[in-house]
N, C-alpha and C. Protein backbone atom coordinates (compact mmCIF):
# COMPACT_ATOMS: atom_id res chain seq x y z
N MET A 1 78.74 -5.36 -9.71
CA MET A 1 78.41 -5.12 -8.34
C MET A 1 77.00 -4.53 -8.26
N LYS A 2 76.18 -5.12 -7.40
CA LYS A 2 74.79 -4.74 -7.28
C LYS A 2 74.64 -3.81 -6.06
N ASN A 3 74.07 -2.63 -6.31
CA ASN A 3 73.86 -1.68 -5.20
C ASN A 3 72.56 -2.00 -4.48
N LYS A 4 72.65 -2.03 -3.19
CA LYS A 4 71.46 -2.27 -2.38
C LYS A 4 71.06 -0.95 -1.73
N GLY A 5 69.74 -0.76 -1.54
CA GLY A 5 69.26 0.46 -0.91
C GLY A 5 68.36 1.22 -1.86
N PHE A 6 68.05 2.45 -1.47
CA PHE A 6 67.13 3.28 -2.24
C PHE A 6 67.90 4.39 -2.95
N THR A 7 67.39 4.75 -4.09
CA THR A 7 67.97 5.89 -4.79
C THR A 7 67.34 7.16 -4.23
N LEU A 8 67.94 8.28 -4.53
CA LEU A 8 67.43 9.56 -4.06
C LEU A 8 66.01 9.82 -4.58
N ILE A 9 65.72 9.45 -5.80
CA ILE A 9 64.38 9.64 -6.37
C ILE A 9 63.36 8.80 -5.61
N GLU A 10 63.69 7.58 -5.28
CA GLU A 10 62.76 6.73 -4.53
C GLU A 10 62.47 7.32 -3.15
N VAL A 11 63.48 7.87 -2.53
CA VAL A 11 63.30 8.48 -1.20
C VAL A 11 62.40 9.71 -1.32
N ILE A 12 62.62 10.55 -2.33
CA ILE A 12 61.81 11.76 -2.50
C ILE A 12 60.36 11.38 -2.80
N VAL A 13 60.13 10.41 -3.66
CA VAL A 13 58.77 9.96 -3.97
C VAL A 13 58.10 9.41 -2.72
N GLY A 14 58.81 8.63 -1.94
CA GLY A 14 58.26 8.07 -0.70
C GLY A 14 57.90 9.16 0.29
N MET A 15 58.77 10.16 0.41
CA MET A 15 58.48 11.28 1.33
C MET A 15 57.28 12.09 0.85
N ALA A 16 57.15 12.27 -0.46
CA ALA A 16 56.01 13.01 -1.00
C ALA A 16 54.70 12.26 -0.71
N LEU A 17 54.71 10.94 -0.90
CA LEU A 17 53.52 10.14 -0.61
C LEU A 17 53.15 10.21 0.87
N MET A 18 54.15 10.14 1.73
CA MET A 18 53.89 10.25 3.17
C MET A 18 53.34 11.63 3.52
N GLY A 19 53.87 12.67 2.89
CA GLY A 19 53.39 14.03 3.13
C GLY A 19 51.94 14.19 2.72
N ILE A 20 51.57 13.65 1.58
CA ILE A 20 50.19 13.73 1.11
C ILE A 20 49.26 12.99 2.07
N ALA A 21 49.69 11.82 2.52
CA ALA A 21 48.88 11.04 3.46
C ALA A 21 48.71 11.79 4.78
N LEU A 22 49.77 12.42 5.27
CA LEU A 22 49.68 13.16 6.53
C LEU A 22 48.82 14.41 6.39
N LEU A 23 48.86 15.04 5.23
CA LEU A 23 48.00 16.20 4.99
C LEU A 23 46.53 15.80 5.05
N GLY A 24 46.20 14.67 4.48
CA GLY A 24 44.83 14.18 4.53
C GLY A 24 44.39 13.90 5.96
N LEU A 25 45.29 13.32 6.75
CA LEU A 25 44.97 13.06 8.16
C LEU A 25 44.82 14.35 8.94
N ALA A 26 45.64 15.34 8.65
CA ALA A 26 45.53 16.62 9.34
C ALA A 26 44.19 17.28 9.02
N GLN A 27 43.78 17.20 7.77
CA GLN A 27 42.48 17.77 7.37
C GLN A 27 41.35 17.05 8.12
N LEU A 28 41.41 15.74 8.18
CA LEU A 28 40.41 14.96 8.89
C LEU A 28 40.38 15.33 10.37
N PHE A 29 41.54 15.54 10.96
CA PHE A 29 41.64 15.93 12.36
C PHE A 29 40.98 17.29 12.59
N MET A 30 41.22 18.24 11.70
CA MET A 30 40.63 19.58 11.84
C MET A 30 39.10 19.53 11.72
N VAL A 31 38.59 18.74 10.80
CA VAL A 31 37.14 18.60 10.66
C VAL A 31 36.56 17.99 11.93
N SER A 32 37.25 17.03 12.50
CA SER A 32 36.80 16.39 13.73
C SER A 32 36.78 17.40 14.89
N VAL A 33 37.79 18.22 15.00
CA VAL A 33 37.85 19.22 16.07
C VAL A 33 36.71 20.23 15.91
N MET A 34 36.45 20.68 14.69
CA MET A 34 35.37 21.63 14.44
C MET A 34 34.00 21.02 14.78
N ASN A 35 33.79 19.76 14.43
CA ASN A 35 32.52 19.09 14.76
C ASN A 35 32.36 18.95 16.27
N ASN A 36 33.45 18.67 16.97
CA ASN A 36 33.39 18.57 18.44
C ASN A 36 33.03 19.91 19.06
N MET A 37 33.59 21.00 18.55
CA MET A 37 33.28 22.34 19.06
C MET A 37 31.82 22.69 18.82
N ARG A 38 31.32 22.36 17.63
CA ARG A 38 29.92 22.62 17.29
C ARG A 38 29.00 21.82 18.21
N SER A 39 29.33 20.56 18.41
CA SER A 39 28.54 19.71 19.28
C SER A 39 28.54 20.23 20.72
N ASP A 40 29.68 20.71 21.17
CA ASP A 40 29.80 21.26 22.52
C ASP A 40 28.91 22.49 22.67
N ASN A 41 28.89 23.36 21.66
CA ASN A 41 28.04 24.55 21.70
C ASN A 41 26.56 24.18 21.76
N ILE A 42 26.16 23.22 20.97
CA ILE A 42 24.76 22.80 20.96
C ILE A 42 24.38 22.17 22.31
N THR A 43 25.28 21.39 22.88
CA THR A 43 25.04 20.78 24.18
C THR A 43 24.87 21.84 25.26
N HIS A 44 25.76 22.83 25.27
CA HIS A 44 25.65 23.92 26.25
C HIS A 44 24.34 24.69 26.06
N ALA A 45 23.99 24.99 24.83
CA ALA A 45 22.77 25.74 24.54
C ALA A 45 21.53 24.97 24.99
N THR A 46 21.51 23.68 24.72
CA THR A 46 20.37 22.85 25.13
C THR A 46 20.26 22.82 26.65
N PHE A 47 21.39 22.72 27.33
CA PHE A 47 21.39 22.74 28.80
C PHE A 47 20.84 24.08 29.30
N LEU A 48 21.27 25.19 28.69
CA LEU A 48 20.80 26.51 29.13
C LEU A 48 19.30 26.67 28.92
N ALA A 49 18.78 26.16 27.82
CA ALA A 49 17.34 26.22 27.57
C ALA A 49 16.58 25.39 28.60
N GLN A 50 17.04 24.18 28.85
CA GLN A 50 16.38 23.31 29.82
C GLN A 50 16.48 23.89 31.23
N GLN A 51 17.61 24.49 31.54
CA GLN A 51 17.80 25.12 32.86
C GLN A 51 16.76 26.23 33.07
N LYS A 52 16.53 27.03 32.05
CA LYS A 52 15.56 28.13 32.17
C LYS A 52 14.15 27.57 32.35
N ILE A 53 13.80 26.54 31.60
CA ILE A 53 12.48 25.93 31.73
C ILE A 53 12.30 25.36 33.14
N ASP A 54 13.30 24.69 33.66
CA ASP A 54 13.22 24.15 35.02
C ASP A 54 13.05 25.25 36.05
N TYR A 55 13.76 26.36 35.86
CA TYR A 55 13.63 27.50 36.76
C TYR A 55 12.20 28.04 36.73
N LEU A 56 11.64 28.21 35.53
CA LEU A 56 10.30 28.76 35.40
C LEU A 56 9.23 27.85 35.99
N ARG A 57 9.45 26.55 35.93
CA ARG A 57 8.47 25.60 36.50
C ARG A 57 8.35 25.74 38.02
N ASN A 58 9.36 26.30 38.65
CA ASN A 58 9.34 26.45 40.11
C ASN A 58 8.78 27.79 40.56
N LEU A 59 8.35 28.63 39.63
CA LEU A 59 7.81 29.94 39.99
C LEU A 59 6.30 29.86 40.19
N THR A 60 5.79 30.80 40.98
CA THR A 60 4.34 30.91 41.16
C THR A 60 3.76 31.67 39.97
N THR A 61 2.43 31.67 39.86
CA THR A 61 1.79 32.39 38.76
C THR A 61 2.07 33.89 38.86
N THR A 62 2.14 34.42 40.06
CA THR A 62 2.45 35.84 40.25
C THR A 62 3.86 36.14 39.74
N GLU A 63 4.79 35.27 40.08
CA GLU A 63 6.17 35.46 39.63
C GLU A 63 6.29 35.32 38.11
N LEU A 64 5.56 34.37 37.53
CA LEU A 64 5.58 34.21 36.08
C LEU A 64 5.02 35.45 35.39
N SER A 65 3.98 36.05 35.98
CA SER A 65 3.36 37.23 35.40
C SER A 65 4.30 38.43 35.42
N SER A 66 5.22 38.46 36.36
CA SER A 66 6.09 39.63 36.51
C SER A 66 7.33 39.59 35.61
N ILE A 67 7.55 38.49 34.92
CA ILE A 67 8.73 38.38 34.05
C ILE A 67 8.50 39.18 32.78
N SER A 68 9.51 39.99 32.42
CA SER A 68 9.38 40.79 31.19
C SER A 68 9.36 39.87 29.98
N ASN A 69 8.62 40.29 28.98
CA ASN A 69 8.44 39.43 27.80
C ASN A 69 8.80 40.20 26.55
N PRO A 70 9.73 39.80 25.75
CA PRO A 70 10.62 38.66 25.94
C PRO A 70 11.75 39.01 26.91
N GLU A 71 12.24 38.00 27.57
CA GLU A 71 13.36 38.18 28.49
C GLU A 71 14.65 37.86 27.75
N ASN A 72 15.57 38.80 27.71
CA ASN A 72 16.86 38.65 27.05
C ASN A 72 17.96 38.48 28.08
N GLU A 73 18.81 37.50 27.88
CA GLU A 73 19.94 37.30 28.78
C GLU A 73 21.20 37.05 27.96
N LEU A 74 22.28 37.69 28.36
CA LEU A 74 23.59 37.41 27.80
C LEU A 74 24.32 36.54 28.81
N ILE A 75 24.79 35.38 28.38
CA ILE A 75 25.32 34.39 29.31
C ILE A 75 26.80 34.14 29.06
N ASP A 76 27.56 34.25 30.14
CA ASP A 76 28.99 33.92 30.14
C ASP A 76 29.12 32.60 30.90
N VAL A 77 29.24 31.51 30.18
CA VAL A 77 29.20 30.18 30.78
C VAL A 77 30.37 29.94 31.73
N ASN A 78 31.57 30.33 31.34
CA ASN A 78 32.76 30.00 32.13
C ASN A 78 33.36 31.19 32.87
N ASN A 79 32.60 32.28 33.00
CA ASN A 79 33.04 33.46 33.76
C ASN A 79 34.40 34.00 33.34
N ASP A 80 34.64 34.04 32.03
CA ASP A 80 35.91 34.59 31.54
C ASP A 80 35.74 36.00 30.98
N GLY A 81 34.55 36.58 31.16
CA GLY A 81 34.30 37.94 30.68
C GLY A 81 33.84 38.00 29.24
N THR A 82 33.68 36.86 28.59
CA THR A 82 33.23 36.80 27.20
C THR A 82 31.83 36.21 27.15
N ILE A 83 30.93 36.88 26.44
CA ILE A 83 29.57 36.37 26.30
C ILE A 83 29.61 35.13 25.41
N ASP A 84 29.03 34.02 25.90
CA ASP A 84 29.03 32.76 25.16
C ASP A 84 27.71 32.48 24.45
N PHE A 85 26.60 32.97 25.02
CA PHE A 85 25.28 32.69 24.45
C PHE A 85 24.34 33.85 24.73
N ARG A 86 23.29 33.93 23.92
CA ARG A 86 22.18 34.85 24.15
C ARG A 86 20.93 33.99 24.27
N ARG A 87 20.23 34.15 25.41
CA ARG A 87 19.02 33.36 25.65
C ARG A 87 17.81 34.29 25.67
N ILE A 88 16.81 33.94 24.88
CA ILE A 88 15.55 34.70 24.82
C ILE A 88 14.43 33.79 25.30
N THR A 89 13.68 34.28 26.28
CA THR A 89 12.58 33.50 26.85
C THR A 89 11.27 34.24 26.61
N LEU A 90 10.30 33.52 26.05
CA LEU A 90 8.96 34.06 25.81
C LEU A 90 7.98 33.31 26.70
N ILE A 91 7.14 34.06 27.42
CA ILE A 91 6.13 33.44 28.29
C ILE A 91 4.78 34.04 27.94
N GLN A 92 3.83 33.20 27.55
CA GLN A 92 2.50 33.65 27.18
C GLN A 92 1.46 32.92 28.03
N PRO A 93 0.59 33.67 28.72
CA PRO A 93 -0.48 32.99 29.45
C PRO A 93 -1.46 32.35 28.47
N SER A 94 -1.93 31.17 28.84
CA SER A 94 -2.87 30.43 27.99
C SER A 94 -3.90 29.76 28.90
N GLY A 95 -4.90 30.52 29.28
CA GLY A 95 -5.89 29.98 30.22
C GLY A 95 -5.27 29.82 31.59
N SER A 96 -5.31 28.59 32.10
CA SER A 96 -4.73 28.33 33.43
C SER A 96 -3.29 27.85 33.33
N SER A 97 -2.69 27.93 32.16
CA SER A 97 -1.31 27.49 31.98
C SER A 97 -0.50 28.59 31.29
N TRP A 98 0.77 28.32 31.10
CA TRP A 98 1.70 29.26 30.47
C TRP A 98 2.45 28.55 29.36
N ASP A 99 2.47 29.14 28.19
CA ASP A 99 3.28 28.61 27.09
C ASP A 99 4.65 29.29 27.15
N VAL A 100 5.67 28.46 27.18
CA VAL A 100 7.04 28.96 27.32
C VAL A 100 7.86 28.53 26.11
N LYS A 101 8.63 29.46 25.59
CA LYS A 101 9.56 29.16 24.50
C LYS A 101 10.91 29.76 24.86
N VAL A 102 11.96 28.95 24.75
CA VAL A 102 13.31 29.40 25.06
C VAL A 102 14.17 29.19 23.82
N LEU A 103 14.81 30.27 23.38
CA LEU A 103 15.72 30.25 22.24
C LEU A 103 17.12 30.61 22.72
N VAL A 104 18.11 29.84 22.29
CA VAL A 104 19.49 30.13 22.67
C VAL A 104 20.31 30.29 21.39
N PHE A 105 21.01 31.43 21.30
CA PHE A 105 21.80 31.76 20.12
C PHE A 105 23.27 31.91 20.49
N SER A 106 24.11 31.84 19.48
CA SER A 106 25.54 32.08 19.67
C SER A 106 25.77 33.57 19.88
N PRO A 107 26.94 33.97 20.38
CA PRO A 107 27.20 35.39 20.66
C PRO A 107 27.21 36.27 19.41
N SER A 108 27.29 35.68 18.23
CA SER A 108 27.27 36.49 17.02
C SER A 108 25.91 37.16 16.80
N GLU A 109 24.89 36.73 17.54
CA GLU A 109 23.55 37.29 17.40
C GLU A 109 23.21 38.30 18.50
N ILE A 110 24.21 38.78 19.21
CA ILE A 110 23.96 39.71 20.32
C ILE A 110 23.34 41.01 19.82
N GLU A 111 23.79 41.51 18.70
CA GLU A 111 23.32 42.80 18.19
C GLU A 111 21.99 42.72 17.44
N GLU A 112 21.54 41.53 17.11
CA GLU A 112 20.28 41.39 16.36
C GLU A 112 19.08 41.76 17.24
N ALA A 113 18.05 42.27 16.60
CA ALA A 113 16.82 42.62 17.31
C ALA A 113 16.12 41.35 17.80
N SER A 114 15.57 41.41 19.00
CA SER A 114 14.89 40.25 19.57
C SER A 114 13.75 39.78 18.69
N ASP A 115 12.98 40.73 18.15
CA ASP A 115 11.84 40.36 17.31
C ASP A 115 12.28 39.56 16.09
N ALA A 116 13.39 39.95 15.49
CA ALA A 116 13.90 39.23 14.31
C ALA A 116 14.31 37.81 14.69
N LEU A 117 14.96 37.66 15.84
CA LEU A 117 15.40 36.33 16.29
C LEU A 117 14.21 35.45 16.63
N ILE A 118 13.18 36.04 17.22
CA ILE A 118 11.99 35.28 17.58
C ILE A 118 11.22 34.84 16.34
N GLN A 119 11.10 35.73 15.37
CA GLN A 119 10.34 35.43 14.15
C GLN A 119 11.02 34.40 13.26
N GLY A 120 12.35 34.44 13.19
CA GLY A 120 13.06 33.51 12.31
C GLY A 120 14.29 32.93 12.94
N PRO A 121 14.12 32.10 13.97
CA PRO A 121 15.30 31.58 14.67
C PRO A 121 16.22 30.76 13.78
N ASP A 122 15.67 30.03 12.82
CA ASP A 122 16.51 29.20 11.95
C ASP A 122 17.39 30.05 11.04
N GLN A 123 16.92 31.24 10.68
CA GLN A 123 17.73 32.13 9.86
C GLN A 123 18.98 32.58 10.59
N TYR A 124 18.90 32.63 11.91
CA TYR A 124 20.02 33.09 12.73
C TYR A 124 20.75 31.92 13.40
N ARG A 125 20.55 30.74 12.87
CA ARG A 125 21.23 29.53 13.34
C ARG A 125 21.10 29.34 14.85
N VAL A 126 19.84 29.21 15.28
CA VAL A 126 19.54 28.99 16.69
C VAL A 126 20.25 27.71 17.16
N LYS A 127 20.83 27.76 18.35
CA LYS A 127 21.54 26.60 18.91
C LYS A 127 20.59 25.69 19.68
N ALA A 128 19.57 26.28 20.32
CA ALA A 128 18.57 25.49 21.05
C ALA A 128 17.23 26.20 20.93
N ASN A 129 16.17 25.44 20.71
CA ASN A 129 14.82 25.97 20.56
C ASN A 129 13.89 25.01 21.29
N MET A 130 13.47 25.39 22.50
CA MET A 130 12.61 24.52 23.30
C MET A 130 11.31 25.22 23.64
N SER A 131 10.24 24.46 23.57
CA SER A 131 8.91 24.97 23.94
C SER A 131 8.26 23.99 24.91
N THR A 132 7.48 24.53 25.83
CA THR A 132 6.77 23.69 26.78
C THR A 132 5.57 24.45 27.33
N THR A 133 4.75 23.76 28.08
CA THR A 133 3.62 24.36 28.76
C THR A 133 3.79 24.13 30.25
N ILE A 134 3.62 25.19 31.02
CA ILE A 134 3.70 25.09 32.48
C ILE A 134 2.29 25.24 33.02
N ARG A 135 1.89 24.29 33.84
CA ARG A 135 0.54 24.30 34.43
C ARG A 135 0.61 24.57 35.90
């Protein structure tokens, strides 16, 4: 008499192979989620830097002169009471124009000195670094 079906060992081996395959997929899923979060942070930071530059372009020379240098802002993007970004804006007069630099950092850099962040933004993993000239 010939038995049809799977033995217990075959079932256990099959389940182990499926488990290993699913673990690999779970790892891939987690890496994908982390990359999406990182991309979202960079997108928000770039928007915040561009927003500041657009705001400054609409100011008069008197208003530009009155801005403290460097200007530090702690930003709560979604109004949940948690600081999401730190934005530092530098404005330097250059003849009849203004050189503007906007740096946006993650909240882990809140306690760092502004001078250190300005001197070495890449050391502090800057999320957005934009420079422009306003005439």
